[in-house]
């Protein structure tokens, strides 16, 4: 009778070692791939941050009074500084006190239209 147990143990041990080696190489390849993806995304993030900063600076320049005056003149909008007669100031009425020292305000009136 032939004894298969030692041969099966040796084959199983070779299979485990080979599987472990293949898994190790695959894992190292995945780590390398993920490192490349991470690097590409970091570069993209830096590019987007630079673009965002550039656009923020551009918005700040476009909102500056000097640039606004220049654009008004370019487009012939006829806009200029306010004349005191153009400004209307609205005064909020004083709040009436409710009994008990608590003031109640009605901010809006809702009408149900059916």
PDB file of N, CA and C in Angstrom:
ATOM      1  N   UNK A   1       0.833  -1.167   0.000  1.00  0.00           N
ATOM      2  CA  UNK A   1       0.000   0.000   0.000  1.00  0.00           C
ATOM      3  C   UNK A   1       0.888   1.245   0.000  1.00  0.00           C
ATOM      4  N   UNK A   2       0.517   2.166  -0.860  1.00  0.00           N
ATOM      5  CA  UNK A   2       1.300   3.390  -0.989  1.00  0.00           C
ATOM      6  C   UNK A   2       0.778   4.407   0.017  1.00  0.00           C
ATOM      7  N   UNK A   3       1.720   5.101   0.634  1.00  0.00           N
ATOM      8  CA  UNK A   3       1.335   6.098   1.643  1.00  0.00           C
ATOM      9  C   UNK A   3       1.240   7.470   0.961  1.00  0.00           C
ATOM     10  N   UNK A   4       0.031   7.990   0.884  1.00  0.00           N
ATOM     11  CA  UNK A   4      -0.202   9.279   0.233  1.00  0.00           C
ATOM     12  C   UNK A   4      -0.135  10.445   1.214  1.00  0.00           C
ATOM     13  N   UNK A   5      -0.198  10.221   2.466  1.00  0.00           N
ATOM     14  CA  UNK A   5      -0.254  11.296   3.455  1.00  0.00           C
ATOM     15  C   UNK A   5       0.959  12.231   3.362  1.00  0.00           C
ATOM     16  N   UNK A   6       2.211  11.721   3.339  1.00  0.00           N
ATOM     17  CA  UNK A   6       3.341  12.659   3.238  1.00  0.00           C
ATOM     18  C   UNK A   6       3.347  13.423   1.924  1.00  0.00           C
ATOM     19  N   UNK A   7       2.957  12.752   0.850  1.00  0.00           N
ATOM     20  CA  UNK A   7       2.921  13.432  -0.447  1.00  0.00           C
ATOM     21  C   UNK A   7       1.838  14.502  -0.457  1.00  0.00           C
ATOM     22  N   UNK A   8       0.669  14.228   0.128  1.00  0.00           N
ATOM     23  CA  UNK A   8      -0.407  15.217   0.199  1.00  0.00           C
ATOM     24  C   UNK A   8      -0.012  16.400   1.078  1.00  0.00           C
ATOM     25  N   UNK A   9       0.670  16.113   2.193  1.00  0.00           N
ATOM     26  CA  UNK A   9       1.137  17.196   3.059  1.00  0.00           C
ATOM     27  C   UNK A   9       2.121  18.089   2.325  1.00  0.00           C
ATOM     28  N   UNK A  10       3.046  17.492   1.587  1.00  0.00           N
ATOM     29  CA  UNK A  10       4.035  18.268   0.833  1.00  0.00           C
ATOM     30  C   UNK A  10       3.351  19.086  -0.261  1.00  0.00           C
ATOM     31  N   UNK A  11       2.383  18.495  -0.944  1.00  0.00           N
ATOM     32  CA  UNK A  11       1.664  19.216  -2.005  1.00  0.00           C
ATOM     33  C   UNK A  11       0.855  20.357  -1.410  1.00  0.00           C
ATOM     34  N   UNK A  12       0.214  20.103  -0.292  1.00  0.00           N
ATOM     35  CA  UNK A  12      -0.567  21.157   0.364  1.00  0.00           C
ATOM     36  C   UNK A  12       0.336  22.282   0.835  1.00  0.00           C
ATOM     37  N   UNK A  13       1.495  21.933   1.394  1.00  0.00           N
ATOM     38  CA  UNK A  13       2.451  22.942   1.849  1.00  0.00           C
ATOM     39  C   UNK A  13       2.962  23.760   0.670  1.00  0.00           C
ATOM     40  N   UNK A  14       3.266  23.139  -0.446  1.00  0.00           N
ATOM     41  CA  UNK A  14       3.710  23.869  -1.649  1.00  0.00           C
ATOM     42  C   UNK A  14       2.598  24.778  -2.160  1.00  0.00           C
ATOM     43  N   UNK A  15       1.365  24.294  -2.119  1.00  0.00           N
ATOM     44  CA  UNK A  15       0.227  25.101  -2.565  1.00  0.00           C
ATOM     45  C   UNK A  15       0.039  26.317  -1.668  1.00  0.00           C
ATOM     46  N   UNK A  16       0.160  26.160  -0.376  1.00  0.00           N
ATOM     47  CA  UNK A  16       0.011  27.281   0.565  1.00  0.00           C
ATOM     48  C   UNK A  16       1.120  28.301   0.346  1.00  0.00           C
ATOM     49  N   UNK A  17       2.357  27.828   0.204  1.00  0.00           N
ATOM     50  CA  UNK A  17       3.486  28.744  -0.009  1.00  0.00           C
ATOM     51  C   UNK A  17       3.333  29.468  -1.338  1.00  0.00           C
ATOM     52  N   UNK A  18       2.948  28.769  -2.395  1.00  0.00           N
ATOM     53  CA  UNK A  18       2.759  29.389  -3.709  1.00  0.00           C
ATOM     54  C   UNK A  18       1.615  30.405  -3.664  1.00  0.00           C
ATOM     55  N   UNK A  19       0.527  30.038  -3.028  1.00  0.00           N
ATOM     56  CA  UNK A  19      -0.612  30.963  -2.893  1.00  0.00           C
ATOM     57  C   UNK A  19      -0.241  32.217  -2.117  1.00  0.00           C
ATOM     58  N   UNK A  20       0.528  32.025  -1.058  1.00  0.00           N
ATOM     59  CA  UNK A  20       0.974  33.174  -0.273  1.00  0.00           C
ATOM     60  C   UNK A  20       1.873  34.088  -1.096  1.00  0.00           C
ATOM     61  N   UNK A  21       2.772  33.494  -1.879  1.00  0.00           N
ATOM     62  CA  UNK A  21       3.680  34.284  -2.711  1.00  0.00           C
ATOM     63  C   UNK A  21       2.903  35.057  -3.782  1.00  0.00           C
ATOM     64  N   UNK A  22       1.949  34.387  -4.414  1.00  0.00           N
ATOM     65  CA  UNK A  22       1.128  35.070  -5.430  1.00  0.00           C
ATOM     66  C   UNK A  22       0.315  36.187  -4.778  1.00  0.00           C
ATOM     67  N   UNK A  23      -0.251  35.936  -3.623  1.00  0.00           N
ATOM     68  CA  UNK A  23      -1.007  36.966  -2.902  1.00  0.00           C
ATOM     69  C   UNK A  23      -0.135  38.146  -2.521  1.00  0.00           C
ATOM     70  N   UNK A  24       1.100  37.876  -2.095  1.00  0.00           N
ATOM     71  CA  UNK A  24       2.032  38.938  -1.710  1.00  0.00           C
ATOM     72  C   UNK A  24       2.364  39.809  -2.915  1.00  0.00           C
ATOM     73  N   UNK A  25       2.646  39.191  -4.051  1.00  0.00           N
ATOM     74  CA  UNK A  25       2.980  39.948  -5.260  1.00  0.00           C
ATOM     75  C   UNK A  25       1.765  40.756  -5.717  1.00  0.00           C
ATOM     76  N   UNK A  26       0.583  40.158  -5.682  1.00  0.00           N
ATOM     77  CA  UNK A  26      -0.635  40.883  -6.069  1.00  0.00           C
ATOM     78  C   UNK A  26      -0.866  42.078  -5.146  1.00  0.00           C
ATOM     79  N   UNK A  27      -0.670  41.864  -3.847  1.00  0.00           N
ATOM     80  CA  UNK A  27      -0.871  42.937  -2.873  1.00  0.00           C
ATOM     81  C   UNK A  27       0.116  44.077  -3.108  1.00  0.00           C
ATOM     82  N   UNK A  28       1.365  43.759  -3.396  1.00  0.00           N
ATOM     83  CA  UNK A  28       2.363  44.798  -3.679  1.00  0.00           C
ATOM     84  C   UNK A  28       1.974  45.579  -4.942  1.00  0.00           C
ATOM     85  N   UNK A  29       1.454  44.872  -5.951  1.00  0.00           N
ATOM     86  CA  UNK A  29       0.990  45.541  -7.167  1.00  0.00           C
ATOM     87  C   UNK A  29      -0.174  46.487  -6.881  1.00  0.00           C
ATOM     88  N   UNK A  30      -1.101  46.055  -6.039  1.00  0.00           N
ATOM     89  CA  UNK A  30      -2.235  46.911  -5.672  1.00  0.00           C
ATOM     90  C   UNK A  30      -1.770  48.131  -4.891  1.00  0.00           C
ATOM     91  N   UNK A  31      -0.815  47.948  -3.988  1.00  0.00           N
ATOM     92  CA  UNK A  31      -0.279  49.080  -3.226  1.00  0.00           C
ATOM     93  C   UNK A  31       0.366  50.084  -4.167  1.00  0.00           C
ATOM     94  N   UNK A  32       1.119  49.598  -5.146  1.00  0.00           N
ATOM     95  CA  UNK A  32       1.756  50.485  -6.134  1.00  0.00           C
ATOM     96  C   UNK A  32       0.695  51.229  -6.947  1.00  0.00           C
ATOM     97  N   UNK A  33      -0.339  50.515  -7.381  1.00  0.00           N
ATOM     98  CA  UNK A  33      -1.413  51.133  -8.164  1.00  0.00           C
ATOM     99  C   UNK A  33      -2.135  52.202  -7.344  1.00  0.00           C
ATOM    100  N   UNK A  34      -2.470  51.896  -6.102  1.00  0.00           N
ATOM    101  CA  UNK A  34      -3.155  52.856  -5.248  1.00  0.00           C
ATOM    102  C   UNK A  34      -2.271  54.070  -4.954  1.00  0.00           C
ATOM    103  N   UNK A  35      -0.964  53.854  -4.838  1.00  0.00           N
ATOM    104  CA  UNK A  35      -0.040  54.972  -4.653  1.00  0.00           C
ATOM    105  C   UNK A  35      -0.046  55.906  -5.853  1.00  0.00           C
ATOM    106  N   UNK A  36      -0.095  55.325  -7.055  1.00  0.00           N
ATOM    107  CA  UNK A  36      -0.159  56.143  -8.268  1.00  0.00           C
ATOM    108  C   UNK A  36      -1.471  56.910  -8.342  1.00  0.00           C
ATOM    109  N   UNK A  37      -2.577  56.261  -8.006  1.00  0.00           N
ATOM    110  CA  UNK A  37      -3.882  56.926  -8.014  1.00  0.00           C
ATOM    111  C   UNK A  37      -3.892  58.075  -7.004  1.00  0.00           C
ATOM    112  N   UNK A  38      -3.330  57.814  -5.824  1.00  0.00           N
ATOM    113  CA  UNK A  38      -3.267  58.851  -4.785  1.00  0.00           C
ATOM    114  C   UNK A  38      -2.452  60.036  -5.271  1.00  0.00           C
ATOM    115  N   UNK A  39      -1.320  59.776  -5.893  1.00  0.00           N
ATOM    116  CA  UNK A  39      -0.457  60.850  -6.403  1.00  0.00           C
ATOM    117  C   UNK A  39      -1.185  61.664  -7.474  1.00  0.00           C
ATOM    118  N   UNK A  40      -1.889  60.993  -8.378  1.00  0.00           N
ATOM    119  CA  UNK A  40      -2.642  61.697  -9.419  1.00  0.00           C
ATOM    120  C   UNK A  40      -3.736  62.568  -8.815  1.00  0.00           C
ATOM    121  N   UNK A  41      -4.394  62.064  -7.816  1.00  0.00           N
ATOM    122  CA  UNK A  41      -5.468  62.842  -7.183  1.00  0.00           C
ATOM    123  C   UNK A  41      -4.904  64.013  -6.386  1.00  0.00           C
ATOM    124  N   UNK A  42      -3.749  63.846  -5.761  1.00  0.00           N
ATOM    125  CA  UNK A  42      -3.115  64.967  -5.071  1.00  0.00           C
ATOM    126  C   UNK A  42      -2.728  66.060  -6.055  1.00  0.00           C
ATOM    127  N   UNK A  43      -2.203  65.659  -7.228  1.00  0.00           N
ATOM    128  CA  UNK A  43      -1.871  66.644  -8.255  1.00  0.00           C
ATOM    129  C   UNK A  43      -3.123  67.365  -8.727  1.00  0.00           C
ATOM    130  N   UNK A  44      -4.209  66.628  -8.915  1.00  0.00           N
ATOM    131  CA  UNK A  44      -5.472  67.235  -9.347  1.00  0.00           C
ATOM    132  C   UNK A  44      -5.988  68.201  -8.287  1.00  0.00           C
ATOM    133  N   UNK A  45      -5.864  67.822  -7.017  1.00  0.00           N
ATOM    134  CA  UNK A  45      -6.294  68.688  -5.923  1.00  0.00           C
ATOM    135  C   UNK A  45      -5.482  69.979  -5.899  1.00  0.00           C
ATOM    136  N   UNK A  46      -4.174  69.875  -6.098  1.00  0.00           N
ATOM    137  CA  UNK A  46      -3.338  71.070  -6.147  1.00  0.00           C
ATOM    138  C   UNK A  46      -3.725  71.959  -7.324  1.00  0.00           C
ATOM    139  N   UNK A  47      -4.007  71.330  -8.471  1.00  0.00           N
ATOM    140  CA  UNK A  47      -4.414  72.089  -9.651  1.00  0.00           C
ATOM    141  C   UNK A  47      -5.737  72.810  -9.385  1.00  0.00           C
ATOM    142  N   UNK A  48      -6.691  72.126  -8.776  1.00  0.00           N
ATOM    143  CA  UNK A  48      -7.977  72.744  -8.469  1.00  0.00           C
ATOM    144  C   UNK A  48      -7.825  73.858  -7.439  1.00  0.00           C
ATOM    145  N   UNK A  49      -6.932  73.668  -6.460  1.00  0.00           N
ATOM    146  CA  UNK A  49      -6.705  74.720  -5.459  1.00  0.00           C
ATOM    147  C   UNK A  49      -6.103  75.959  -6.116  1.00  0.00           C
ATOM    148  N   UNK A  50      -5.146  75.763  -7.041  1.00  0.00           N
ATOM    149  CA  UNK A  50      -4.565  76.915  -7.753  1.00  0.00           C
ATOM    150  C   UNK A  50      -5.622  77.608  -8.596  1.00  0.00           C
ATOM    151  N   UNK A  51      -6.449  76.829  -9.274  1.00  0.00           N
ATOM    152  CA  UNK A  51      -7.513  77.400 -10.096  1.00  0.00           C
ATOM    153  C   UNK A  51      -8.512  78.161  -9.230  1.00  0.00           C
ATOM    154  N   UNK A  52      -8.859  77.588  -8.080  1.00  0.00           N
ATOM    155  CA  UNK A  52      -9.781  78.241  -7.155  1.00  0.00           C
ATOM    156  C   UNK A  52      -9.198  79.559  -6.656  1.00  0.00           C
ATOM    157  N   UNK A  53      -7.915  79.575  -6.325  1.00  0.00           N
ATOM    158  CA  UNK A  53      -7.267  80.800  -5.853  1.00  0.00           C
ATOM    159  C   UNK A  53      -7.246  81.849  -6.956  1.00  0.00           C
ATOM    160  N   UNK A  54      -6.975  81.411  -8.182  1.00  0.00           N
ATOM    161  CA  UNK A  54      -6.942  82.339  -9.319  1.00  0.00           C
ATOM    162  C   UNK A  54      -8.312  82.963  -9.530  1.00  0.00           C
ATOM    163  N   UNK A  55      -9.356  82.140  -9.457  1.00  0.00           N
ATOM    164  CA  UNK A  55     -10.711  82.650  -9.637  1.00  0.00           C
ATOM    165  C   UNK A  55     -11.132  83.564  -8.480  1.00  0.00           C
ATOM    166  N   UNK A  56     -10.712  83.238  -7.267  1.00  0.00           N
ATOM    167  CA  UNK A  56     -11.008  84.096  -6.115  1.00  0.00           C
ATOM    168  C   UNK A  56     -10.342  85.455  -6.290  1.00  0.00           C
ATOM    169  N   UNK A  57      -9.085  85.449  -6.739  1.00  0.00           N
ATOM    170  CA  UNK A  57      -8.389  86.713  -6.993  1.00  0.00           C
ATOM    171  C   UNK A  57      -9.075  87.497  -8.099  1.00  0.00           C
ATOM    172  N   UNK A  58      -9.525  86.809  -9.137  1.00  0.00           N
ATOM    173  CA  UNK A  58     -10.208  87.470 -10.248  1.00  0.00           C
ATOM    174  C   UNK A  58     -11.516  88.099  -9.774  1.00  0.00           C
ATOM    175  N   UNK A  59     -12.258  87.407  -8.926  1.00  0.00           N
ATOM    176  CA  UNK A  59     -13.508  87.957  -8.388  1.00  0.00           C
ATOM    177  C   UNK A  59     -13.218  89.190  -7.540  1.00  0.00           C
ATOM    178  N   UNK A  60     -12.156  89.120  -6.728  1.00  0.00           N
ATOM    179  CA  UNK A  60     -11.798  90.272  -5.896  1.00  0.00           C
ATOM    180  C   UNK A  60     -11.460  91.478  -6.763  1.00  0.00           C
ATOM    181  N   UNK A  61     -10.747  91.245  -7.860  1.00  0.00           N
ATOM    182  CA  UNK A  61     -10.396  92.346  -8.759  1.00  0.00           C
ATOM    183  C   UNK A  61     -11.653  92.903  -9.416  1.00  0.00           C
ATOM    184  N   UNK A  62     -12.545  92.028  -9.865  1.00  0.00           N
ATOM    185  CA  UNK A  62     -13.758  92.478 -10.549  1.00  0.00           C
ATOM    186  C   UNK A  62     -14.716  93.212  -9.608  1.00  0.00           C
ATOM    187  N   UNK A  63     -14.643  92.926  -8.319  1.00  0.00           N
ATOM    188  CA  UNK A  63     -15.506  93.611  -7.352  1.00  0.00           C
ATOM    189  C   UNK A  63     -14.890  94.900  -6.827  1.00  0.00           C
ATOM    190  N   UNK A  64     -13.673  95.199  -7.201  1.00  0.00           N
ATOM    191  CA  UNK A  64     -13.027  96.415  -6.690  1.00  0.00           C
ATOM    192  C   UNK A  64     -13.700  97.647  -7.289  1.00  0.00           C
ATOM    193  N   UNK A  65     -13.812  98.733  -6.520  1.00  0.00           N
ATOM    194  CA  UNK A  65     -14.452  99.951  -7.020  1.00  0.00           C
ATOM    195  C   UNK A  65     -13.792 100.500  -8.288  1.00  0.00           C
ATOM    196  N   UNK A  66     -12.478 100.405  -8.385  1.00  0.00           N
ATOM    197  CA  UNK A  66     -11.781 100.909  -9.563  1.00  0.00           C
ATOM    198  C   UNK A  66     -12.216 100.130 -10.802  1.00  0.00           C
ATOM    199  N   UNK A  67     -12.267  98.826 -10.705  1.00  0.00           N
ATOM    200  CA  UNK A  67     -12.661  98.001 -11.845  1.00  0.00           C
ATOM    201  C   UNK A  67     -14.127  98.232 -12.200  1.00  0.00           C
ATOM    202  N   UNK A  68     -14.976  98.379 -11.183  1.00  0.00           N
ATOM    203  CA  UNK A  68     -16.386  98.639 -11.453  1.00  0.00           C
ATOM    204  C   UNK A  68     -16.568  99.967 -12.184  1.00  0.00           C
ATOM    205  N   UNK A  69     -15.857 101.009 -11.752  1.00  0.00           N
ATOM    206  CA  UNK A  69     -15.928 102.309 -12.435  1.00  0.00           C
ATOM    207  C   UNK A  69     -15.454 102.186 -13.878  1.00  0.00           C
ATOM    208  N   UNK A  70     -14.391 101.442 -14.076  1.00  0.00           N
ATOM    209  CA  UNK A  70     -13.859 101.254 -15.427  1.00  0.00           C
ATOM    210  C   UNK A  70     -14.887 100.553 -16.313  1.00  0.00           C
ATOM    211  N   UNK A  71     -15.537  99.507 -15.805  1.00  0.00           N
ATOM    212  CA  UNK A  71     -16.541  98.780 -16.592  1.00  0.00           C
ATOM    213  C   UNK A  71     -17.761  99.652 -16.890  1.00  0.00           C
ATOM    214  N   UNK A  72     -18.155 100.506 -15.929  1.00  0.00           N
ATOM    215  CA  UNK A  72     -19.285 101.412 -16.147  1.00  0.00           C
ATOM    216  C   UNK A  72     -18.964 102.358 -17.292  1.00  0.00           C
ATOM    217  N   UNK A  73     -17.739 102.873 -17.330  1.00  0.00           N
ATOM    218  CA  UNK A  73     -17.327 103.784 -18.401  1.00  0.00           C
ATOM    219  C   UNK A  73     -17.243 103.051 -19.735  1.00  0.00           C
ATOM    220  N   UNK A  74     -16.726 101.811 -19.736  1.00  0.00           N
ATOM    221  CA  UNK A  74     -16.618 101.029 -20.976  1.00  0.00           C
ATOM    222  C   UNK A  74     -17.987 100.745 -21.581  1.00  0.00           C
ATOM    223  N   UNK A  75     -18.953 100.447 -20.747  1.00  0.00           N
ATOM    224  CA  UNK A  75     -20.276 100.055 -21.221  1.00  0.00           C
ATOM    225  C   UNK A  75     -21.239 101.233 -21.368  1.00  0.00           C
ATOM    226  N   UNK A  76     -20.770 102.443 -21.054  1.00  0.00           N
ATOM    227  CA  UNK A  76     -21.601 103.653 -21.133  1.00  0.00           C
ATOM    228  C   UNK A  76     -22.935 103.474 -20.412  1.00  0.00           C
ATOM    229  N   UNK A  77     -22.869 103.066 -19.165  1.00  0.00           N
ATOM    230  CA  UNK A  77     -24.079 102.829 -18.395  1.00  0.00           C
ATOM    231  C   UNK A  77     -24.641 104.102 -17.781  1.00  0.00           C
ATOM    232  N   UNK A  78     -23.841 105.154 -17.727  1.00  0.00           N
ATOM    233  CA  UNK A  78     -24.319 106.411 -17.160  1.00  0.00           C
ATOM    234  C   UNK A  78     -24.519 106.355 -15.661  1.00  0.00           C
ATOM    235  N   UNK A  79     -23.823 105.487 -15.005  1.00  0.00           N
ATOM    236  CA  UNK A  79     -23.939 105.377 -13.551  1.00  0.00           C
ATOM    237  C   UNK A  79     -22.913 106.272 -12.894  1.00  0.00           C
ATOM    238  N   UNK A  80     -23.251 106.770 -11.721  1.00  0.00           N
ATOM    239  CA  UNK A  80     -22.314 107.612 -10.991  1.00  0.00           C
ATOM    240  C   UNK A  80     -22.602 107.526  -9.506  1.00  0.00           C
ATOM    241  N   UNK A  81     -21.919 108.368  -8.730  1.00  0.00           N
ATOM    242  CA  UNK A  81     -22.155 108.356  -7.288  1.00  0.00           C
ATOM    243  C   UNK A  81     -23.593 108.769  -6.965  1.00  0.00           C
ATOM    244  N   UNK A  82     -24.086 108.316  -5.834  1.00  0.00           N
ATOM    245  CA  UNK A  82     -25.445 108.635  -5.422  1.00  0.00           C
ATOM    246  C   UNK A  82     -25.577 110.106  -5.050  1.00  0.00           C
ATOM    247  N   UNK A  83     -26.711 110.666  -5.414  1.00  0.00           N
ATOM    248  CA  UNK A  83     -27.075 112.010  -4.986  1.00  0.00           C
ATOM    249  C   UNK A  83     -27.923 111.833  -3.734  1.00  0.00           C
ATOM    250  N   UNK A  84     -27.753 112.697  -2.714  1.00  0.00           N
ATOM    251  CA  UNK A  84     -28.521 112.497  -1.478  1.00  0.00           C
ATOM    252  C   UNK A  84     -30.028 112.358  -1.691  1.00  0.00           C
ATOM    253  N   UNK A  85     -30.595 112.943  -2.724  1.00  0.00           N
ATOM    254  CA  UNK A  85     -32.029 112.825  -2.979  1.00  0.00           C
ATOM    255  C   UNK A  85     -32.435 111.439  -3.467  1.00  0.00           C
ATOM    256  N   UNK A  86     -31.477 110.628  -3.927  1.00  0.00           N
ATOM    257  CA  UNK A  86     -31.786 109.284  -4.420  1.00  0.00           C
ATOM    258  C   UNK A  86     -31.890 108.253  -3.307  1.00  0.00           C
ATOM    259  N   UNK A  87     -31.438 108.605  -2.124  1.00  0.00           N
ATOM    260  CA  UNK A  87     -31.424 107.669  -1.000  1.00  0.00           C
ATOM    261  C   UNK A  87     -32.706 107.829  -0.202  1.00  0.00           C
ATOM    262  N   UNK A  88     -33.421 106.764  -0.004  1.00  0.00           N
ATOM    263  CA  UNK A  88     -34.641 106.771   0.802  1.00  0.00           C
ATOM    264  C   UNK A  88     -34.367 105.927   2.037  1.00  0.00           C
ATOM    265  N   UNK A  89     -34.525 106.516   3.190  1.00  0.00           N
ATOM    266  CA  UNK A  89     -34.292 105.802   4.441  1.00  0.00           C
ATOM    267  C   UNK A  89     -35.635 105.444   5.052  1.00  0.00           C
ATOM    268  N   UNK A  90     -35.792 104.195   5.395  1.00  0.00           N
ATOM    269  CA  UNK A  90     -37.020 103.715   6.008  1.00  0.00           C
ATOM    270  C   UNK A  90     -36.788 103.523   7.497  1.00  0.00           C
ATOM    271  N   UNK A  91     -37.704 104.059   8.290  1.00  0.00           N
ATOM    272  CA  UNK A  91     -37.591 103.942   9.739  1.00  0.00           C
ATOM    273  C   UNK A  91     -38.543 102.852  10.191  1.00  0.00           C
ATOM    274  N   UNK A  92     -38.039 101.936  10.992  1.00  0.00           N
ATOM    275  CA  UNK A  92     -38.882 100.861  11.507  1.00  0.00           C
ATOM    276  C   UNK A  92     -39.701 101.413  12.663  1.00  0.00           C
ATOM    277  N   UNK A  93     -41.005 101.163  12.652  1.00  0.00           N
ATOM    278  CA  UNK A  93     -41.839 101.692  13.740  1.00  0.00           C
ATOM    279  C   UNK A  93     -41.477 101.037  15.067  1.00  0.00           C
ATOM    280  N   UNK A  94     -41.698 101.776  16.148  1.00  0.00           N
ATOM    281  CA  UNK A  94     -41.402 101.254  17.490  1.00  0.00           C
ATOM    282  C   UNK A  94     -42.359 100.116  17.807  1.00  0.00           C
ATOM    283  N   UNK A  95     -41.880  99.161  18.568  1.00  0.00           N
ATOM    284  CA  UNK A  95     -42.698  98.011  18.938  1.00  0.00           C
ATOM    285  C   UNK A  95     -43.590  98.368  20.122  1.00  0.00           C
ATOM    286  N   UNK A  96     -44.871  98.088  19.997  1.00  0.00           N
ATOM    287  CA  UNK A  96     -45.740  98.321  21.158  1.00  0.00           C
ATOM    288  C   UNK A  96     -45.527  97.225  22.191  1.00  0.00           C
ATOM    289  N   UNK A  97     -45.564  97.581  23.446  1.00  0.00           N
ATOM    290  CA  UNK A  97     -45.398  96.605  24.526  1.00  0.00           C
ATOM    291  C   UNK A  97     -46.712  95.901  24.794  1.00  0.00           C
ATOM    292  N   UNK A  98     -46.610  94.611  24.962  1.00  0.00           N
ATOM    293  CA  UNK A  98     -47.794  93.826  25.314  1.00  0.00           C
ATOM    294  C   UNK A  98     -47.905  93.790  26.827  1.00  0.00           C
ATOM    295  N   UNK A  99     -49.088  93.502  27.326  1.00  0.00           N
ATOM    296  CA  UNK A  99     -49.221  93.373  28.791  1.00  0.00           C
ATOM    297  C   UNK A  99     -48.322  92.257  29.311  1.00  0.00           C
ATOM    298  N   UNK A 100     -47.715  92.481  30.443  1.00  0.00           N
ATOM    299  CA  UNK A 100     -46.827  91.490  31.036  1.00  0.00           C
ATOM    300  C   UNK A 100     -45.377  91.744  30.672  1.00  0.00           C
ATOM    301  N   UNK A 101     -45.081  92.809  29.976  1.00  0.00           N
ATOM    302  CA  UNK A 101     -43.711  93.175  29.662  1.00  0.00           C
ATOM    303  C   UNK A 101     -43.130  92.473  28.451  1.00  0.00           C
ATOM    304  N   UNK A 102     -43.904  91.615  27.779  1.00  0.00           N
ATOM    305  CA  UNK A 102     -43.409  90.899  26.601  1.00  0.00           C
ATOM    306  C   UNK A 102     -43.932  91.561  25.343  1.00  0.00           C
ATOM    307  N   UNK A 103     -43.045  91.921  24.467  1.00  0.00           N
ATOM    308  CA  UNK A 103     -43.467  92.525  23.211  1.00  0.00           C
ATOM    309  C   UNK A 103     -43.721  91.433  22.185  1.00  0.00           C
ATOM    310  N   UNK A 104     -44.855  91.536  21.500  1.00  0.00           N
ATOM    311  CA  UNK A 104     -45.167  90.579  20.445  1.00  0.00           C
ATOM    312  C   UNK A 104     -45.249  91.324  19.134  1.00  0.00           C
ATOM    313  N   UNK A 105     -44.697  90.723  18.093  1.00  0.00           N
ATOM    314  CA  UNK A 105     -44.716  91.344  16.772  1.00  0.00           C
ATOM    315  C   UNK A 105     -45.360  90.408  15.782  1.00  0.00           C
ATOM    316  N   UNK A 106     -46.066  90.990  14.872  1.00  0.00           N
ATOM    317  CA  UNK A 106     -46.581  90.212  13.761  1.00  0.00           C
ATOM    318  C   UNK A 106     -45.730  90.585  12.562  1.00  0.00           C
ATOM    319  N   UNK A 107     -44.983  89.623  12.053  1.00  0.00           N
ATOM    320  CA  UNK A 107     -44.049  89.901  10.976  1.00  0.00           C
ATOM    321  C   UNK A 107     -44.697  89.825   9.614  1.00  0.00           C
ATOM    322  N   UNK A 108     -45.661  88.966   9.456  1.00  0.00           N
ATOM    323  CA  UNK A 108     -46.296  88.839   8.162  1.00  0.00           C
ATOM    324  C   UNK A 108     -47.724  88.355   8.372  1.00  0.00           C
ATOM    325  N   UNK A 109     -48.579  88.716   7.441  1.00  0.00           N
ATOM    326  CA  UNK A 109     -49.968  88.293   7.505  1.00  0.00           C
ATOM    327  C   UNK A 109     -50.203  87.315   6.369  1.00  0.00           C
ATOM    328  N   UNK A 110     -50.635  86.138   6.694  1.00  0.00           N
ATOM    329  CA  UNK A 110     -50.907  85.129   5.677  1.00  0.00           C
ATOM    330  C   UNK A 110     -52.412  85.075   5.445  1.00  0.00           C
ATOM    331  N   UNK A 111     -52.768  85.155   4.175  1.00  0.00           N
ATOM    332  CA  UNK A 111     -54.176  85.019   3.829  1.00  0.00           C
ATOM    333  C   UNK A 111     -54.344  83.722   3.064  1.00  0.00           C
ATOM    334  N   UNK A 112     -55.328  82.973   3.412  1.00  0.00           N
ATOM    335  CA  UNK A 112     -55.620  81.715   2.719  1.00  0.00           C
ATOM    336  C   UNK A 112     -56.636  82.004   1.634  1.00  0.00           C
ATOM    337  N   UNK A 113     -56.195  81.897   0.401  1.00  0.00           N
ATOM    338  CA  UNK A 113     -57.084  82.134  -0.720  1.00  0.00           C
ATOM    339  C   UNK A 113     -57.496  80.783  -1.289  1.00  0.00           C
ATOM    340  N   UNK A 114     -58.785  80.517  -1.273  1.00  0.00           N
ATOM    341  CA  UNK A 114     -59.298  79.246  -1.783  1.00  0.00           C
ATOM    342  C   UNK A 114     -59.969  79.430  -3.096  1.00  0.00           C
TER     343      UNK A 114
END
